[in-house]
Amino acid sequence: MIETLTAENASAHEALHCLHMLRSDASCGLSTAEASLRRQYHGYNEFEVTEQEPLWKKYTEQFKNPLILLLLASAVVSLLMRQFDDAISITIAVVIVVTVGFVQEYRSEKTLEQLNKLVPPACHVIRDGKEHPLLARELVPGDVVLLNTGDRVPADVRLLEAFSLQIDESSLTGETEPKHK
């Protein structure tokens, strides 16, 4: 059908050349018929959901924290020095901290899943020369996506035009301030 652009491949070309390779147009976007064909070929714009990690594995992952490992080492040293009260106290504290961390992580994952089900990501695209609201899962290669202030980027996109662009990269980098691009 069409040549699929990878992130490395697409970044090596000018934005308009990428549009040309995808047989799309910056002002008209794709036709509804072409978008439908591409969806049949490429599928929906969704992550493949892998089987979730068992809860016991998620719980044991909490013990890989360096501070937890340090506390466990302290408990072992206390045990070797026959300071049983200290060893038991440290071990109980570690179990409590790990359990609280596990419960918080589990709850936040479930909350995020529920939020994504309640409010599926949406976007605006140009199709047939007009702006259309669309669920992000309906995007196909070659769609022209319109972004406004506060919008989330719904897929891997190539910017054609931007004015005073600031990106909130906090979920990727932890930076609290938006970056000027």
N, C-alpha and C. Protein backbone atom coordinates (compact mmCIF):
# COMPACT_ATOMS: atom_id res chain seq x y z
N MET A 1 0.85 -1.19 0.00
CA MET A 1 0.00 0.00 0.00
C MET A 1 0.89 1.24 0.00
N ILE A 2 1.20 1.80 1.18
CA ILE A 2 2.04 2.99 1.25
C ILE A 2 3.28 2.66 2.06
N GLU A 3 4.33 3.39 1.82
CA GLU A 3 5.55 3.19 2.59
C GLU A 3 5.30 3.69 4.01
N THR A 4 5.57 2.84 4.98
CA THR A 4 5.39 3.23 6.37
C THR A 4 6.64 3.95 6.83
N LEU A 5 6.45 5.09 7.42
CA LEU A 5 7.58 5.86 7.93
C LEU A 5 7.85 5.47 9.37
N THR A 6 9.10 5.21 9.66
CA THR A 6 9.50 5.00 11.05
C THR A 6 9.92 6.35 11.61
N ALA A 7 10.12 6.43 12.90
CA ALA A 7 10.54 7.69 13.51
C ALA A 7 11.87 8.15 12.92
N GLU A 8 12.78 7.22 12.72
CA GLU A 8 14.09 7.58 12.16
C GLU A 8 13.95 8.00 10.70
N ASN A 9 13.15 7.28 9.96
CA ASN A 9 12.95 7.55 8.54
C ASN A 9 12.25 8.90 8.35
N ALA A 10 11.20 9.14 9.10
CA ALA A 10 10.42 10.37 8.95
C ALA A 10 11.23 11.60 9.34
N SER A 11 12.03 11.48 10.38
CA SER A 11 12.79 12.65 10.83
C SER A 11 13.91 13.02 9.86
N ALA A 12 14.24 12.12 8.95
CA ALA A 12 15.29 12.40 7.97
C ALA A 12 14.76 13.19 6.78
N HIS A 13 13.45 13.33 6.67
CA HIS A 13 12.83 14.02 5.53
C HIS A 13 12.12 15.29 5.99
N GLU A 14 11.96 16.20 5.06
CA GLU A 14 11.16 17.40 5.33
C GLU A 14 9.71 16.98 5.57
N ALA A 15 8.99 17.78 6.35
CA ALA A 15 7.61 17.45 6.71
C ALA A 15 6.72 17.30 5.47
N LEU A 16 6.86 18.21 4.51
CA LEU A 16 6.03 18.12 3.31
C LEU A 16 6.37 16.89 2.47
N HIS A 17 7.64 16.48 2.50
CA HIS A 17 8.02 15.26 1.79
C HIS A 17 7.37 14.04 2.45
N CYS A 18 7.29 14.05 3.77
CA CYS A 18 6.61 12.96 4.48
C CYS A 18 5.14 12.90 4.08
N LEU A 19 4.50 14.07 3.99
CA LEU A 19 3.10 14.12 3.54
C LEU A 19 2.97 13.54 2.14
N HIS A 20 3.90 13.90 1.28
CA HIS A 20 3.88 13.39 -0.10
C HIS A 20 4.05 11.87 -0.10
N MET A 21 4.97 11.35 0.71
CA MET A 21 5.18 9.90 0.78
C MET A 21 3.94 9.18 1.30
N LEU A 22 3.19 9.85 2.18
CA LEU A 22 1.97 9.27 2.74
C LEU A 22 0.75 9.57 1.88
N ARG A 23 0.97 10.23 0.74
CA ARG A 23 -0.12 10.59 -0.18
C ARG A 23 -1.23 11.35 0.54
N SER A 24 -0.80 12.39 1.24
CA SER A 24 -1.74 13.23 1.98
C SER A 24 -1.50 14.68 1.59
N ASP A 25 -2.38 15.56 2.04
CA ASP A 25 -2.30 16.97 1.70
C ASP A 25 -2.47 17.79 2.97
N ALA A 26 -1.62 18.81 3.16
CA ALA A 26 -1.66 19.60 4.39
C ALA A 26 -2.96 20.36 4.56
N SER A 27 -3.58 20.82 3.48
CA SER A 27 -4.80 21.61 3.62
C SER A 27 -6.07 20.78 3.52
N CYS A 28 -6.03 19.66 2.81
CA CYS A 28 -7.24 18.84 2.63
C CYS A 28 -7.22 17.56 3.47
N GLY A 29 -6.04 17.15 3.91
CA GLY A 29 -5.95 15.90 4.65
C GLY A 29 -6.26 14.72 3.76
N LEU A 30 -6.71 13.65 4.36
CA LEU A 30 -7.10 12.45 3.62
C LEU A 30 -8.59 12.51 3.31
N SER A 31 -9.00 11.72 2.33
CA SER A 31 -10.44 11.57 2.11
C SER A 31 -10.94 10.54 3.12
N THR A 32 -12.22 10.59 3.41
CA THR A 32 -12.82 9.63 4.34
C THR A 32 -12.64 8.21 3.82
N ALA A 33 -12.78 8.03 2.52
CA ALA A 33 -12.63 6.69 1.92
C ALA A 33 -11.20 6.18 2.08
N GLU A 34 -10.22 7.06 1.83
CA GLU A 34 -8.81 6.66 1.97
C GLU A 34 -8.48 6.34 3.42
N ALA A 35 -9.01 7.15 4.36
CA ALA A 35 -8.78 6.88 5.78
C ALA A 35 -9.35 5.53 6.18
N SER A 36 -10.50 5.19 5.64
CA SER A 36 -11.12 3.90 5.93
C SER A 36 -10.26 2.75 5.40
N LEU A 37 -9.73 2.90 4.19
CA LEU A 37 -8.85 1.88 3.63
C LEU A 37 -7.59 1.71 4.47
N ARG A 38 -7.03 2.83 4.90
CA ARG A 38 -5.80 2.77 5.70
C ARG A 38 -6.07 2.14 7.07
N ARG A 39 -7.24 2.39 7.63
CA ARG A 39 -7.58 1.78 8.92
C ARG A 39 -7.69 0.27 8.76
N GLN A 40 -8.27 -0.17 7.65
CA GLN A 40 -8.36 -1.61 7.40
C GLN A 40 -6.97 -2.23 7.26
N TYR A 41 -6.07 -1.50 6.63
CA TYR A 41 -4.72 -2.01 6.39
C TYR A 41 -3.85 -1.94 7.66
N HIS A 42 -3.86 -0.78 8.33
CA HIS A 42 -2.97 -0.56 9.48
C HIS A 42 -3.62 -0.89 10.82
N GLY A 43 -4.93 -0.94 10.87
CA GLY A 43 -5.61 -1.17 12.14
C GLY A 43 -5.80 0.14 12.90
N TYR A 44 -6.28 0.01 14.12
CA TYR A 44 -6.55 1.18 14.95
C TYR A 44 -5.27 1.70 15.58
N ASN A 45 -5.27 2.98 15.89
CA ASN A 45 -4.15 3.65 16.54
C ASN A 45 -4.22 3.34 18.04
N GLU A 46 -3.83 2.13 18.38
CA GLU A 46 -3.88 1.69 19.78
C GLU A 46 -2.64 0.87 20.10
N PHE A 47 -2.27 0.92 21.37
CA PHE A 47 -1.20 0.05 21.84
C PHE A 47 -1.76 -1.35 21.95
N GLU A 48 -0.93 -2.32 21.65
CA GLU A 48 -1.34 -3.69 21.90
C GLU A 48 -1.24 -3.92 23.40
N VAL A 49 -2.33 -4.35 23.98
CA VAL A 49 -2.35 -4.57 25.42
C VAL A 49 -1.74 -5.94 25.69
N THR A 50 -0.64 -5.92 26.41
CA THR A 50 0.00 -7.17 26.78
C THR A 50 -0.62 -7.67 28.07
N GLU A 51 -0.41 -8.93 28.33
CA GLU A 51 -0.93 -9.47 29.58
C GLU A 51 -0.30 -8.73 30.74
N GLN A 52 -1.12 -8.45 31.73
CA GLN A 52 -0.61 -7.72 32.88
C GLN A 52 0.29 -8.61 33.70
N GLU A 53 1.28 -7.97 34.28
CA GLU A 53 2.20 -8.66 35.17
C GLU A 53 1.43 -9.13 36.41
N PRO A 54 1.71 -10.34 36.88
CA PRO A 54 1.02 -10.81 38.09
C PRO A 54 1.29 -9.88 39.28
N LEU A 55 0.32 -9.80 40.18
CA LEU A 55 0.45 -8.89 41.32
C LEU A 55 1.66 -9.22 42.18
N TRP A 56 1.96 -10.49 42.36
CA TRP A 56 3.10 -10.84 43.20
C TRP A 56 4.41 -10.31 42.60
N LYS A 57 4.50 -10.26 41.26
CA LYS A 57 5.70 -9.71 40.63
C LYS A 57 5.78 -8.21 40.86
N LYS A 58 4.63 -7.55 40.75
CA LYS A 58 4.61 -6.10 40.99
C LYS A 58 5.01 -5.80 42.44
N TYR A 59 4.56 -6.66 43.35
CA TYR A 59 4.90 -6.47 44.76
C TYR A 59 6.41 -6.65 44.97
N THR A 60 6.97 -7.70 44.39
CA THR A 60 8.41 -7.94 44.58
C THR A 60 9.26 -6.87 43.89
N GLU A 61 8.73 -6.22 42.85
CA GLU A 61 9.45 -5.12 42.20
C GLU A 61 9.72 -3.98 43.18
N GLN A 62 8.84 -3.81 44.14
CA GLN A 62 9.01 -2.75 45.14
C GLN A 62 10.29 -2.94 45.94
N PHE A 63 10.74 -4.18 46.08
CA PHE A 63 11.94 -4.46 46.87
C PHE A 63 13.23 -4.11 46.13
N LYS A 64 13.13 -3.72 44.86
CA LYS A 64 14.32 -3.37 44.09
C LYS A 64 14.76 -1.92 44.30
N ASN A 65 13.99 -1.19 45.07
CA ASN A 65 14.35 0.19 45.41
C ASN A 65 15.63 0.17 46.23
N PRO A 66 16.64 0.98 45.88
CA PRO A 66 17.91 0.96 46.61
C PRO A 66 17.76 1.23 48.11
N LEU A 67 16.86 2.12 48.50
CA LEU A 67 16.69 2.39 49.93
C LEU A 67 16.10 1.19 50.66
N ILE A 68 15.19 0.48 50.01
CA ILE A 68 14.62 -0.72 50.60
C ILE A 68 15.71 -1.78 50.75
N LEU A 69 16.54 -1.92 49.73
CA LEU A 69 17.65 -2.88 49.81
C LEU A 69 18.61 -2.53 50.93
N LEU A 70 18.86 -1.24 51.11
CA LEU A 70 19.73 -0.79 52.20
C LEU A 70 19.13 -1.14 53.56
N LEU A 71 17.83 -0.92 53.71
CA LEU A 71 17.17 -1.27 54.97
C LEU A 71 17.19 -2.78 55.21
N LEU A 72 16.99 -3.55 54.17
CA LEU A 72 17.05 -5.01 54.32
C LEU A 72 18.46 -5.45 54.71
N ALA A 73 19.47 -4.82 54.13
CA ALA A 73 20.85 -5.13 54.51
C ALA A 73 21.08 -4.77 55.98
N SER A 74 20.51 -3.66 56.42
CA SER A 74 20.62 -3.27 57.84
C SER A 74 19.96 -4.31 58.74
N ALA A 75 18.84 -4.84 58.29
CA ALA A 75 18.16 -5.88 59.07
C ALA A 75 19.02 -7.13 59.16
N VAL A 76 19.68 -7.49 58.07
CA VAL A 76 20.56 -8.67 58.08
C VAL A 76 21.74 -8.45 59.02
N VAL A 77 22.34 -7.25 58.95
CA VAL A 77 23.46 -6.93 59.84
C VAL A 77 23.00 -6.99 61.29
N SER A 78 21.84 -6.44 61.58
CA SER A 78 21.30 -6.49 62.95
C SER A 78 21.08 -7.93 63.39
N LEU A 79 20.63 -8.76 62.49
CA LEU A 79 20.40 -10.17 62.79
C LEU A 79 21.72 -10.87 63.10
N LEU A 80 22.76 -10.57 62.30
CA LEU A 80 24.08 -11.17 62.52
C LEU A 80 24.70 -10.71 63.84
N MET A 81 24.35 -9.50 64.25
CA MET A 81 24.87 -8.97 65.52
C MET A 81 23.97 -9.37 66.69
N ARG A 82 23.01 -10.23 66.41
CA ARG A 82 22.07 -10.73 67.41
C ARG A 82 21.22 -9.61 68.04
N GLN A 83 20.96 -8.60 67.24
CA GLN A 83 20.06 -7.51 67.65
C GLN A 83 18.69 -7.82 67.05
N PHE A 84 18.04 -8.84 67.61
CA PHE A 84 16.81 -9.36 67.02
C PHE A 84 15.68 -8.33 67.01
N ASP A 85 15.60 -7.52 68.06
CA ASP A 85 14.55 -6.49 68.11
C ASP A 85 14.70 -5.50 66.95
N ASP A 86 15.95 -5.07 66.72
CA ASP A 86 16.21 -4.13 65.62
C ASP A 86 15.90 -4.77 64.27
N ALA A 87 16.34 -6.02 64.09
CA ALA A 87 16.13 -6.71 62.82
C ALA A 87 14.64 -6.86 62.53
N ILE A 88 13.88 -7.24 63.54
CA ILE A 88 12.43 -7.40 63.36
C ILE A 88 11.77 -6.06 63.08
N SER A 89 12.17 -5.03 63.81
CA SER A 89 11.59 -3.69 63.61
C SER A 89 11.85 -3.18 62.19
N ILE A 90 13.10 -3.33 61.75
CA ILE A 90 13.45 -2.86 60.40
C ILE A 90 12.67 -3.65 59.35
N THR A 91 12.58 -4.96 59.52
CA THR A 91 11.87 -5.80 58.56
C THR A 91 10.39 -5.44 58.49
N ILE A 92 9.78 -5.22 59.65
CA ILE A 92 8.37 -4.83 59.68
C ILE A 92 8.18 -3.48 58.98
N ALA A 93 9.09 -2.54 59.25
CA ALA A 93 9.01 -1.22 58.61
C ALA A 93 9.12 -1.35 57.09
N VAL A 94 10.04 -2.20 56.62
CA VAL A 94 10.21 -2.41 55.18
C VAL A 94 8.94 -3.00 54.57
N VAL A 95 8.37 -4.00 55.22
CA VAL A 95 7.15 -4.62 54.70
C VAL A 95 6.02 -3.60 54.62
N ILE A 96 5.91 -2.75 55.64
CA ILE A 96 4.86 -1.72 55.63
C ILE A 96 5.08 -0.73 54.48
N VAL A 97 6.31 -0.24 54.34
CA VAL A 97 6.61 0.73 53.29
C VAL A 97 6.38 0.13 51.90
N VAL A 98 6.84 -1.10 51.70
CA VAL A 98 6.67 -1.76 50.41
C VAL A 98 5.19 -1.99 50.12
N THR A 99 4.44 -2.40 51.11
CA THR A 99 3.01 -2.66 50.92
C THR A 99 2.27 -1.37 50.58
N VAL A 100 2.57 -0.30 51.29
CA VAL A 100 1.93 0.99 51.00
C VAL A 100 2.27 1.45 49.58
N GLY A 101 3.54 1.33 49.19
CA GLY A 101 3.95 1.70 47.84
C GLY A 101 3.25 0.88 46.78
N PHE A 102 3.14 -0.42 47.02
CA PHE A 102 2.46 -1.32 46.09
C PHE A 102 0.99 -0.94 45.94
N VAL A 103 0.32 -0.71 47.06
CA VAL A 103 -1.11 -0.37 47.03
C VAL A 103 -1.32 0.95 46.29
N GLN A 104 -0.48 1.94 46.56
CA GLN A 104 -0.62 3.23 45.88
C GLN A 104 -0.41 3.08 44.37
N GLU A 105 0.60 2.33 43.98
CA GLU A 105 0.88 2.13 42.56
C GLU A 105 -0.27 1.38 41.89
N TYR A 106 -0.78 0.36 42.55
CA TYR A 106 -1.88 -0.43 42.00
C TYR A 106 -3.13 0.43 41.83
N ARG A 107 -3.44 1.22 42.84
CA ARG A 107 -4.62 2.10 42.76
C ARG A 107 -4.48 3.14 41.66
N SER A 108 -3.29 3.72 41.54
CA SER A 108 -3.11 4.74 40.50
C SER A 108 -3.21 4.12 39.10
N GLU A 109 -2.71 2.90 38.91
CA GLU A 109 -2.86 2.23 37.62
C GLU A 109 -4.33 1.99 37.30
N LYS A 110 -5.08 1.51 38.27
CA LYS A 110 -6.50 1.23 38.06
C LYS A 110 -7.28 2.52 37.79
N THR A 111 -6.93 3.59 38.51
CA THR A 111 -7.59 4.88 38.30
C THR A 111 -7.32 5.39 36.89
N LEU A 112 -6.07 5.27 36.45
CA LEU A 112 -5.72 5.72 35.10
C LEU A 112 -6.45 4.90 34.04
N GLU A 113 -6.57 3.60 34.25
CA GLU A 113 -7.32 2.75 33.32
C GLU A 113 -8.78 3.20 33.24
N GLN A 114 -9.37 3.47 34.40
CA GLN A 114 -10.77 3.89 34.43
C GLN A 114 -10.95 5.24 33.75
N LEU A 115 -10.02 6.18 33.99
CA LEU A 115 -10.10 7.49 33.34
C LEU A 115 -10.02 7.36 31.83
N ASN A 116 -9.12 6.51 31.35
CA ASN A 116 -8.99 6.33 29.90
C ASN A 116 -10.24 5.71 29.31
N LYS A 117 -10.93 4.87 30.07
CA LYS A 117 -12.18 4.29 29.58
C LYS A 117 -13.29 5.34 29.58
N LEU A 118 -13.31 6.20 30.62
CA LEU A 118 -14.35 7.23 30.71
C LEU A 118 -14.20 8.30 29.64
N VAL A 119 -12.97 8.76 29.47
CA VAL A 119 -12.70 9.84 28.53
C VAL A 119 -11.64 9.37 27.53
N PRO A 120 -12.05 8.71 26.46
CA PRO A 120 -11.06 8.26 25.48
C PRO A 120 -10.39 9.46 24.82
N PRO A 121 -9.11 9.34 24.51
CA PRO A 121 -8.40 10.45 23.87
C PRO A 121 -9.06 10.84 22.55
N ALA A 122 -9.23 12.13 22.37
CA ALA A 122 -9.85 12.65 21.15
C ALA A 122 -8.92 13.67 20.50
N CYS A 123 -9.21 13.99 19.25
CA CYS A 123 -8.39 14.97 18.53
C CYS A 123 -9.23 15.57 17.41
N HIS A 124 -8.63 16.50 16.70
CA HIS A 124 -9.27 17.11 15.52
C HIS A 124 -8.35 16.85 14.33
N VAL A 125 -8.94 16.42 13.23
CA VAL A 125 -8.18 16.16 12.01
C VAL A 125 -8.83 16.87 10.84
N ILE A 126 -8.05 17.01 9.79
CA ILE A 126 -8.59 17.53 8.54
C ILE A 126 -8.83 16.32 7.64
N ARG A 127 -10.09 16.13 7.27
CA ARG A 127 -10.47 15.07 6.32
C ARG A 127 -11.42 15.68 5.30
N ASP A 128 -11.21 15.36 4.07
CA ASP A 128 -12.03 15.91 2.98
C ASP A 128 -12.02 17.44 3.00
N GLY A 129 -10.91 18.02 3.46
CA GLY A 129 -10.77 19.47 3.47
C GLY A 129 -11.47 20.17 4.61
N LYS A 130 -12.06 19.42 5.56
CA LYS A 130 -12.79 20.03 6.68
C LYS A 130 -12.27 19.47 8.00
N GLU A 131 -12.42 20.29 9.04
CA GLU A 131 -12.00 19.86 10.38
C GLU A 131 -13.07 18.94 10.97
N HIS A 132 -12.62 17.80 11.50
CA HIS A 132 -13.54 16.83 12.11
C HIS A 132 -13.02 16.40 13.47
N PRO A 133 -13.91 16.34 14.49
CA PRO A 133 -13.49 15.73 15.76
C PRO A 133 -13.43 14.21 15.57
N LEU A 134 -12.49 13.57 16.25
CA LEU A 134 -12.27 12.15 16.03
C LEU A 134 -11.65 11.53 17.28
N LEU A 135 -11.98 10.29 17.55
CA LEU A 135 -11.28 9.57 18.61
C LEU A 135 -9.87 9.28 18.13
N ALA A 136 -8.91 9.39 19.02
CA ALA A 136 -7.51 9.20 18.64
C ALA A 136 -7.27 7.81 18.07
N ARG A 137 -8.04 6.83 18.49
CA ARG A 137 -7.85 5.46 17.98
C ARG A 137 -8.21 5.36 16.50
N GLU A 138 -8.94 6.34 15.97
CA GLU A 138 -9.36 6.33 14.57
C GLU A 138 -8.31 6.93 13.62
N LEU A 139 -7.22 7.46 14.18
CA LEU A 139 -6.19 8.07 13.33
C LEU A 139 -5.50 7.02 12.48
N VAL A 140 -5.09 7.44 11.29
CA VAL A 140 -4.35 6.56 10.38
C VAL A 140 -3.13 7.32 9.86
N PRO A 141 -2.13 6.60 9.33
CA PRO A 141 -0.97 7.30 8.75
C PRO A 141 -1.41 8.24 7.63
N GLY A 142 -0.93 9.48 7.70
CA GLY A 142 -1.28 10.48 6.70
C GLY A 142 -2.33 11.46 7.16
N ASP A 143 -2.97 11.21 8.31
CA ASP A 143 -3.94 12.16 8.83
C ASP A 143 -3.24 13.46 9.22
N VAL A 144 -3.90 14.58 8.96
CA VAL A 144 -3.40 15.89 9.38
C VAL A 144 -4.13 16.23 10.68
N VAL A 145 -3.37 16.23 11.78
CA VAL A 145 -3.93 16.44 13.11
C VAL A 145 -3.77 17.91 13.49
N LEU A 146 -4.84 18.51 14.01
CA LEU A 146 -4.80 19.89 14.47
C LEU A 146 -4.64 19.88 15.99
N LEU A 147 -3.68 20.64 16.49
CA LEU A 147 -3.44 20.73 17.93
C LEU A 147 -3.67 22.15 18.40
N ASN A 148 -4.34 22.29 19.52
CA ASN A 148 -4.58 23.59 20.14
C ASN A 148 -4.04 23.58 21.56
N THR A 149 -4.06 24.72 22.21
CA THR A 149 -3.59 24.84 23.58
C THR A 149 -4.29 23.83 24.47
N GLY A 150 -3.49 23.08 25.22
CA GLY A 150 -4.03 22.11 26.16
C GLY A 150 -4.29 20.74 25.59
N ASP A 151 -4.18 20.59 24.27
CA ASP A 151 -4.42 19.28 23.64
C ASP A 151 -3.27 18.33 23.95
N ARG A 152 -3.63 17.05 24.03
CA ARG A 152 -2.62 16.00 24.11
C ARG A 152 -2.31 15.55 22.70
N VAL A 153 -1.06 15.23 22.45
CA VAL A 153 -0.67 14.73 21.14
C VAL A 153 -1.15 13.28 21.06
N PRO A 154 -2.07 12.98 20.13
CA PRO A 154 -2.74 11.68 20.13
C PRO A 154 -1.95 10.54 19.49
N ALA A 155 -0.85 10.84 18.83
CA ALA A 155 -0.08 9.80 18.13
C ALA A 155 1.29 10.37 17.80
N ASP A 156 2.13 9.57 17.16
CA ASP A 156 3.38 10.11 16.65
C ASP A 156 3.02 11.03 15.50
N VAL A 157 3.39 12.29 15.62
CA VAL A 157 3.03 13.26 14.59
C VAL A 157 4.28 14.01 14.14
N ARG A 158 4.18 14.59 12.98
CA ARG A 158 5.21 15.46 12.44
C ARG A 158 4.60 16.84 12.35
N LEU A 159 5.22 17.84 12.96
CA LEU A 159 4.68 19.20 12.95
C LEU A 159 4.91 19.84 11.58
N LEU A 160 3.83 20.38 11.03
CA LEU A 160 3.92 21.09 9.77
C LEU A 160 4.07 22.58 10.01
N GLU A 161 3.38 23.07 11.04
CA GLU A 161 3.39 24.50 11.34
C GLU A 161 3.12 24.66 12.83
N ALA A 162 3.83 25.59 13.48
CA ALA A 162 3.62 25.81 14.91
C ALA A 162 3.87 27.28 15.23
N PHE A 163 3.13 27.77 16.22
CA PHE A 163 3.30 29.15 16.67
C PHE A 163 3.33 29.15 18.19
N SER A 164 4.40 29.68 18.79
CA SER A 164 4.57 29.73 20.25
C SER A 164 4.31 28.37 20.89
N LEU A 165 4.94 27.36 20.36
CA LEU A 165 4.71 25.99 20.82
C LEU A 165 5.44 25.72 22.13
N GLN A 166 4.70 25.23 23.10
CA GLN A 166 5.26 24.77 24.37
C GLN A 166 4.75 23.36 24.61
N ILE A 167 5.65 22.48 25.02
CA ILE A 167 5.30 21.08 25.24
C ILE A 167 5.50 20.73 26.70
N ASP A 168 4.48 20.12 27.30
CA ASP A 168 4.57 19.60 28.66
C ASP A 168 5.16 18.20 28.57
N GLU A 169 6.43 18.08 28.91
CA GLU A 169 7.13 16.80 28.83
C GLU A 169 7.26 16.14 30.20
N SER A 170 6.45 16.58 31.16
CA SER A 170 6.61 16.10 32.54
C SER A 170 6.45 14.60 32.66
N SER A 171 5.59 14.00 31.86
CA SER A 171 5.40 12.55 31.96
C SER A 171 6.61 11.79 31.42
N LEU A 172 7.43 12.45 30.60
CA LEU A 172 8.62 11.80 30.05
C LEU A 172 9.88 12.14 30.82
N THR A 173 10.02 13.43 31.19
CA THR A 173 11.28 13.88 31.77
C THR A 173 11.18 14.26 33.24
N GLY A 174 9.97 14.48 33.73
CA GLY A 174 9.81 14.91 35.12
C GLY A 174 9.93 16.42 35.28
N GLU A 175 10.28 17.13 34.20
CA GLU A 175 10.38 18.59 34.25
C GLU A 175 9.00 19.18 34.51
N THR A 176 8.92 20.17 35.39
CA THR A 176 7.62 20.73 35.74
C THR A 176 7.18 21.84 34.80
N GLU A 177 8.12 22.50 34.16
CA GLU A 177 7.79 23.62 33.27
C GLU A 177 7.72 23.15 31.82
N PRO A 178 6.74 23.66 31.05
CA PRO A 178 6.66 23.32 29.62
C PRO A 178 7.91 23.81 28.89
N LYS A 179 8.32 23.08 27.87
CA LYS A 179 9.50 23.43 27.08
C LYS A 179 9.08 24.18 25.82
N HIS A 180 9.79 25.28 25.53
CA HIS A 180 9.55 26.03 24.29
C HIS A 180 10.20 25.26 23.15
N LYS A 181 9.46 25.11 22.06
CA LYS A 181 9.99 24.38 20.90
C LYS A 181 10.03 25.28 19.70
